[in-house]
Every structure is written in structure tokens, then in C-alpha cells.
Amino acid sequence: MSQTRVYCIANLEIEDAELFRNYEKGFFGTLKEYNGEFMTMDDESIHLEGTSPIEGRVIMWSFPSEEEMNNWFSSTSYQELAENYRRPATELKNLTVIKAMPTR
């Protein structure tokens, strides 16, 4: 598995803000546990071009490696958090992982 840094990008619509706050409270702890780093979020992204503007919240975070990201995503702590709070509180448009460019 790659030791290249990976970036996670989520796009979601928050349908229950109070329930989603419970997800946010636990999210940062799960990231820290797996060496993840929160980068940014935006509720008002700017669409410059193309046919599919992003609607809702965009969130970006990273991990030092794909292995650490997979360990985080499949962990009981994250999956319970997602099951109890994120999934019922949001409509997830997508969750995408991209790899950093290789060192030259």
C-alpha cells in the first residue's frame, strides 16, 4: 500500500444540523487517532466552470498514507459515529480519496 499522503474530500447536504453537530464532535477525535489532519470546510464553494456545481458542504482532510486512511475509515469508532450521526443527518453526495503527487 502507498505511503503517499492521501486527501479525503466529502460533499454533503446537512439535513439535521443538531444531529450533525454530534458527528462533528466525534469526527476530530477519530482523525487524531489515525494521524489524520483536518484541512478545511466550506458551505459556499464557488463554481467556476462545468455542468455539476457542488451544493452543500465540502470538507477536506488528509492522512499520511492510504493505509492509515483505510484503518480510520474501517475503524469501529468512525463507523459507529457515521452510522449514528452522519448518515441519518446528511445526504452524502460523495466521499472521494485522491493521492498526493509522487515526489520527483
N, C-alpha and C. Protein backbone atom coordinates (compact mmCIF):
# COMPACT_ATOMS: atom_id res chain seq x y z
N MET A 1 0.83 -1.18 0.00
CA MET A 1 0.00 0.00 0.00
C MET A 1 0.88 1.25 0.00
N SER A 2 0.40 2.28 -0.59
CA SER A 2 1.17 3.51 -0.79
C SER A 2 1.44 4.24 0.52
N GLN A 3 2.66 4.79 0.65
CA GLN A 3 2.99 5.66 1.76
C GLN A 3 2.82 7.12 1.36
N THR A 4 2.20 7.34 0.22
CA THR A 4 1.92 8.68 -0.26
C THR A 4 0.75 9.27 0.51
N ARG A 5 0.84 10.54 0.85
CA ARG A 5 -0.26 11.22 1.54
C ARG A 5 -1.51 11.13 0.70
N VAL A 6 -2.66 10.95 1.36
CA VAL A 6 -3.94 10.93 0.67
C VAL A 6 -4.84 12.02 1.23
N TYR A 7 -5.69 12.55 0.37
CA TYR A 7 -6.62 13.61 0.72
C TYR A 7 -8.04 13.11 0.55
N CYS A 8 -8.86 13.34 1.55
CA CYS A 8 -10.27 12.95 1.50
C CYS A 8 -11.10 14.21 1.27
N ILE A 9 -12.04 14.11 0.35
CA ILE A 9 -12.93 15.22 0.05
C ILE A 9 -14.35 14.70 0.13
N ALA A 10 -15.15 15.30 0.99
CA ALA A 10 -16.55 14.91 1.14
C ALA A 10 -17.43 16.08 0.72
N ASN A 11 -18.54 15.75 0.09
CA ASN A 11 -19.56 16.74 -0.26
C ASN A 11 -20.88 16.20 0.27
N LEU A 12 -21.52 16.98 1.12
CA LEU A 12 -22.77 16.53 1.71
C LEU A 12 -23.72 17.69 1.95
N GLU A 13 -25.00 17.34 2.05
CA GLU A 13 -26.06 18.28 2.42
C GLU A 13 -26.46 17.94 3.85
N ILE A 14 -26.42 18.92 4.73
CA ILE A 14 -26.80 18.69 6.12
C ILE A 14 -28.31 18.86 6.23
N GLU A 15 -28.98 17.80 6.67
CA GLU A 15 -30.43 17.81 6.79
C GLU A 15 -30.90 17.96 8.23
N ASP A 16 -30.06 17.60 9.19
CA ASP A 16 -30.37 17.73 10.61
C ASP A 16 -29.12 18.28 11.30
N ALA A 17 -29.08 19.61 11.45
CA ALA A 17 -27.87 20.28 11.97
C ALA A 17 -27.54 19.85 13.39
N GLU A 18 -28.55 19.66 14.23
CA GLU A 18 -28.30 19.28 15.62
C GLU A 18 -27.66 17.89 15.69
N LEU A 19 -28.19 16.95 14.94
CA LEU A 19 -27.62 15.61 14.91
C LEU A 19 -26.22 15.62 14.30
N PHE A 20 -26.02 16.44 13.27
CA PHE A 20 -24.71 16.51 12.63
C PHE A 20 -23.65 17.08 13.58
N ARG A 21 -24.04 17.98 14.48
CA ARG A 21 -23.08 18.51 15.46
C ARG A 21 -22.49 17.39 16.32
N ASN A 22 -23.28 16.37 16.61
CA ASN A 22 -22.76 15.22 17.36
C ASN A 22 -21.69 14.49 16.56
N TYR A 23 -21.89 14.41 15.25
CA TYR A 23 -20.89 13.80 14.37
C TYR A 23 -19.61 14.63 14.40
N GLU A 24 -19.75 15.94 14.26
CA GLU A 24 -18.58 16.82 14.25
C GLU A 24 -17.78 16.69 15.54
N LYS A 25 -18.47 16.58 16.66
CA LYS A 25 -17.79 16.47 17.96
C LYS A 25 -16.88 15.24 18.02
N GLY A 26 -17.30 14.15 17.42
CA GLY A 26 -16.51 12.92 17.45
C GLY A 26 -15.53 12.78 16.31
N PHE A 27 -15.80 13.45 15.20
CA PHE A 27 -15.00 13.31 13.98
C PHE A 27 -13.53 13.64 14.21
N PHE A 28 -13.25 14.75 14.88
CA PHE A 28 -11.87 15.19 15.05
C PHE A 28 -11.07 14.22 15.91
N GLY A 29 -11.70 13.61 16.90
CA GLY A 29 -11.03 12.61 17.72
C GLY A 29 -10.64 11.38 16.92
N THR A 30 -11.53 10.96 16.01
CA THR A 30 -11.20 9.79 15.19
C THR A 30 -10.07 10.10 14.23
N LEU A 31 -10.06 11.32 13.69
CA LEU A 31 -8.95 11.71 12.80
C LEU A 31 -7.62 11.64 13.54
N LYS A 32 -7.59 12.24 14.73
CA LYS A 32 -6.35 12.29 15.51
C LYS A 32 -5.85 10.88 15.82
N GLU A 33 -6.77 9.99 16.15
CA GLU A 33 -6.42 8.61 16.50
C GLU A 33 -5.68 7.90 15.36
N TYR A 34 -5.96 8.29 14.11
CA TYR A 34 -5.34 7.64 12.94
C TYR A 34 -4.42 8.59 12.17
N ASN A 35 -3.89 9.61 12.86
CA ASN A 35 -2.93 10.56 12.28
C ASN A 35 -3.51 11.39 11.15
N GLY A 36 -4.83 11.55 11.16
CA GLY A 36 -5.47 12.39 10.15
C GLY A 36 -5.35 13.85 10.50
N GLU A 37 -5.47 14.69 9.49
CA GLU A 37 -5.35 16.14 9.67
C GLU A 37 -6.50 16.83 8.96
N PHE A 38 -7.33 17.54 9.74
CA PHE A 38 -8.40 18.34 9.15
C PHE A 38 -7.77 19.51 8.41
N MET A 39 -8.27 19.79 7.21
CA MET A 39 -7.70 20.86 6.40
C MET A 39 -8.64 22.05 6.29
N THR A 40 -9.86 21.82 5.80
CA THR A 40 -10.78 22.93 5.62
C THR A 40 -12.19 22.42 5.36
N MET A 41 -13.15 23.33 5.44
CA MET A 41 -14.52 23.05 5.04
C MET A 41 -15.14 24.35 4.54
N ASP A 42 -16.16 24.22 3.71
CA ASP A 42 -16.80 25.40 3.14
C ASP A 42 -18.25 25.07 2.83
N ASP A 43 -19.15 25.94 3.25
CA ASP A 43 -20.57 25.79 2.93
C ASP A 43 -20.96 26.59 1.69
N GLU A 44 -20.04 27.36 1.15
CA GLU A 44 -20.36 28.21 0.00
C GLU A 44 -19.24 28.16 -1.03
N SER A 45 -18.96 26.97 -1.55
CA SER A 45 -17.90 26.85 -2.56
C SER A 45 -18.30 27.63 -3.81
N ILE A 46 -17.32 28.05 -4.56
CA ILE A 46 -17.54 28.87 -5.76
C ILE A 46 -17.39 28.00 -7.00
N HIS A 47 -18.43 27.95 -7.80
CA HIS A 47 -18.44 27.16 -9.03
C HIS A 47 -17.94 28.03 -10.17
N LEU A 48 -16.84 27.66 -10.77
CA LEU A 48 -16.26 28.44 -11.86
C LEU A 48 -16.63 27.92 -13.24
N GLU A 49 -16.77 26.60 -13.37
CA GLU A 49 -16.97 26.05 -14.70
C GLU A 49 -17.50 24.62 -14.58
N GLY A 50 -18.15 24.15 -15.63
CA GLY A 50 -18.64 22.77 -15.66
C GLY A 50 -20.14 22.69 -15.45
N THR A 51 -20.66 21.48 -15.59
CA THR A 51 -22.11 21.29 -15.57
C THR A 51 -22.65 20.80 -14.23
N SER A 52 -21.79 20.51 -13.27
CA SER A 52 -22.26 19.97 -11.99
C SER A 52 -21.71 20.76 -10.81
N PRO A 53 -22.29 21.93 -10.52
CA PRO A 53 -21.80 22.70 -9.38
C PRO A 53 -22.01 21.93 -8.08
N ILE A 54 -21.08 22.09 -7.17
CA ILE A 54 -21.17 21.44 -5.87
C ILE A 54 -22.17 22.20 -5.02
N GLU A 55 -23.06 21.47 -4.39
CA GLU A 55 -24.03 22.07 -3.48
C GLU A 55 -23.79 21.52 -2.09
N GLY A 56 -23.99 22.34 -1.09
CA GLY A 56 -23.83 21.89 0.29
C GLY A 56 -22.42 22.09 0.79
N ARG A 57 -22.07 21.33 1.79
CA ARG A 57 -20.77 21.46 2.46
C ARG A 57 -19.72 20.60 1.78
N VAL A 58 -18.52 21.17 1.66
CA VAL A 58 -17.35 20.44 1.19
C VAL A 58 -16.36 20.41 2.36
N ILE A 59 -15.84 19.22 2.64
CA ILE A 59 -14.91 19.03 3.76
C ILE A 59 -13.67 18.33 3.22
N MET A 60 -12.50 18.77 3.68
CA MET A 60 -11.26 18.17 3.19
C MET A 60 -10.34 17.87 4.38
N TRP A 61 -9.80 16.65 4.39
CA TRP A 61 -8.84 16.23 5.41
C TRP A 61 -7.85 15.26 4.78
N SER A 62 -6.77 14.96 5.49
CA SER A 62 -5.75 14.10 4.88
C SER A 62 -5.18 13.12 5.90
N PHE A 63 -4.47 12.13 5.35
CA PHE A 63 -3.75 11.14 6.15
C PHE A 63 -2.36 10.96 5.55
N PRO A 64 -1.39 10.56 6.37
CA PRO A 64 -0.03 10.34 5.86
C PRO A 64 0.06 9.22 4.83
N SER A 65 -0.91 8.29 4.85
CA SER A 65 -0.85 7.17 3.91
C SER A 65 -2.25 6.62 3.66
N GLU A 66 -2.38 5.89 2.58
CA GLU A 66 -3.64 5.22 2.25
C GLU A 66 -3.99 4.19 3.33
N GLU A 67 -2.98 3.52 3.85
CA GLU A 67 -3.22 2.52 4.90
C GLU A 67 -3.85 3.15 6.13
N GLU A 68 -3.33 4.30 6.56
CA GLU A 68 -3.90 4.97 7.73
C GLU A 68 -5.32 5.46 7.46
N MET A 69 -5.57 5.93 6.24
CA MET A 69 -6.93 6.33 5.87
C MET A 69 -7.87 5.14 5.92
N ASN A 70 -7.46 4.01 5.35
CA ASN A 70 -8.30 2.81 5.37
C ASN A 70 -8.55 2.32 6.80
N ASN A 71 -7.52 2.37 7.63
CA ASN A 71 -7.68 1.97 9.04
C ASN A 71 -8.69 2.88 9.74
N TRP A 72 -8.61 4.18 9.49
CA TRP A 72 -9.56 5.13 10.07
C TRP A 72 -10.97 4.84 9.57
N PHE A 73 -11.13 4.73 8.25
CA PHE A 73 -12.47 4.57 7.68
C PHE A 73 -13.14 3.28 8.14
N SER A 74 -12.37 2.22 8.29
CA SER A 74 -12.95 0.93 8.69
C SER A 74 -13.00 0.74 10.21
N SER A 75 -12.48 1.71 10.97
CA SER A 75 -12.45 1.56 12.43
C SER A 75 -13.87 1.56 13.01
N THR A 76 -14.01 0.84 14.10
CA THR A 76 -15.29 0.81 14.80
C THR A 76 -15.68 2.21 15.27
N SER A 77 -14.71 2.97 15.76
CA SER A 77 -15.02 4.31 16.28
C SER A 77 -15.59 5.21 15.18
N TYR A 78 -14.99 5.18 13.99
CA TYR A 78 -15.53 6.02 12.92
C TYR A 78 -16.85 5.48 12.38
N GLN A 79 -16.93 4.18 12.15
CA GLN A 79 -18.15 3.61 11.57
C GLN A 79 -19.36 3.79 12.49
N GLU A 80 -19.16 3.68 13.81
CA GLU A 80 -20.27 3.93 14.74
C GLU A 80 -20.69 5.39 14.69
N LEU A 81 -19.73 6.28 14.62
CA LEU A 81 -20.02 7.71 14.53
C LEU A 81 -20.80 8.02 13.25
N ALA A 82 -20.34 7.48 12.14
CA ALA A 82 -21.02 7.71 10.86
C ALA A 82 -22.42 7.11 10.87
N GLU A 83 -22.55 5.91 11.39
CA GLU A 83 -23.85 5.23 11.41
C GLU A 83 -24.86 5.95 12.29
N ASN A 84 -24.41 6.42 13.45
CA ASN A 84 -25.32 7.05 14.41
C ASN A 84 -25.63 8.51 14.11
N TYR A 85 -24.71 9.21 13.47
CA TYR A 85 -24.89 10.66 13.31
C TYR A 85 -24.79 11.17 11.88
N ARG A 86 -23.73 10.81 11.14
CA ARG A 86 -23.60 11.40 9.81
C ARG A 86 -24.65 10.89 8.84
N ARG A 87 -24.81 9.60 8.76
CA ARG A 87 -25.74 9.04 7.78
C ARG A 87 -27.17 9.51 8.00
N PRO A 88 -27.69 9.51 9.24
CA PRO A 88 -29.07 9.99 9.40
C PRO A 88 -29.20 11.52 9.31
N ALA A 89 -28.10 12.26 9.46
CA ALA A 89 -28.18 13.72 9.48
C ALA A 89 -27.88 14.38 8.15
N THR A 90 -27.38 13.61 7.18
CA THR A 90 -26.94 14.21 5.92
C THR A 90 -27.34 13.38 4.72
N GLU A 91 -27.26 14.03 3.58
CA GLU A 91 -27.27 13.31 2.31
C GLU A 91 -25.85 13.42 1.78
N LEU A 92 -25.13 12.32 1.77
CA LEU A 92 -23.75 12.31 1.29
C LEU A 92 -23.77 12.27 -0.23
N LYS A 93 -23.24 13.31 -0.85
CA LYS A 93 -23.15 13.36 -2.32
C LYS A 93 -22.00 12.49 -2.80
N ASN A 94 -20.85 12.64 -2.15
CA ASN A 94 -19.71 11.77 -2.44
C ASN A 94 -18.63 11.91 -1.39
N LEU A 95 -17.83 10.88 -1.29
CA LEU A 95 -16.63 10.87 -0.45
C LEU A 95 -15.54 10.30 -1.34
N THR A 96 -14.55 11.12 -1.65
CA THR A 96 -13.52 10.78 -2.61
C THR A 96 -12.15 10.85 -1.96
N VAL A 97 -11.26 9.95 -2.34
CA VAL A 97 -9.88 9.97 -1.86
C VAL A 97 -8.97 10.17 -3.05
N ILE A 98 -8.07 11.15 -2.95
CA ILE A 98 -7.08 11.36 -4.00
C ILE A 98 -5.69 11.29 -3.38
N LYS A 99 -4.75 10.81 -4.17
CA LYS A 99 -3.37 10.66 -3.71
C LYS A 99 -2.56 11.90 -4.06
N ALA A 100 -1.63 12.24 -3.18
CA ALA A 100 -0.71 13.34 -3.46
C ALA A 100 0.15 12.96 -4.66
N MET A 101 0.65 13.96 -5.32
CA MET A 101 1.55 13.71 -6.45
C MET A 101 2.83 13.06 -5.94
N PRO A 102 3.36 12.10 -6.70
CA PRO A 102 4.60 11.46 -6.27
C PRO A 102 5.76 12.45 -6.24
N THR A 103 6.68 12.21 -5.32
CA THR A 103 7.88 13.03 -5.24
C THR A 103 8.76 12.76 -6.45
N ARG A 104 9.30 13.81 -7.02
CA ARG A 104 10.16 13.65 -8.21
C ARG A 104 11.59 13.83 -7.84
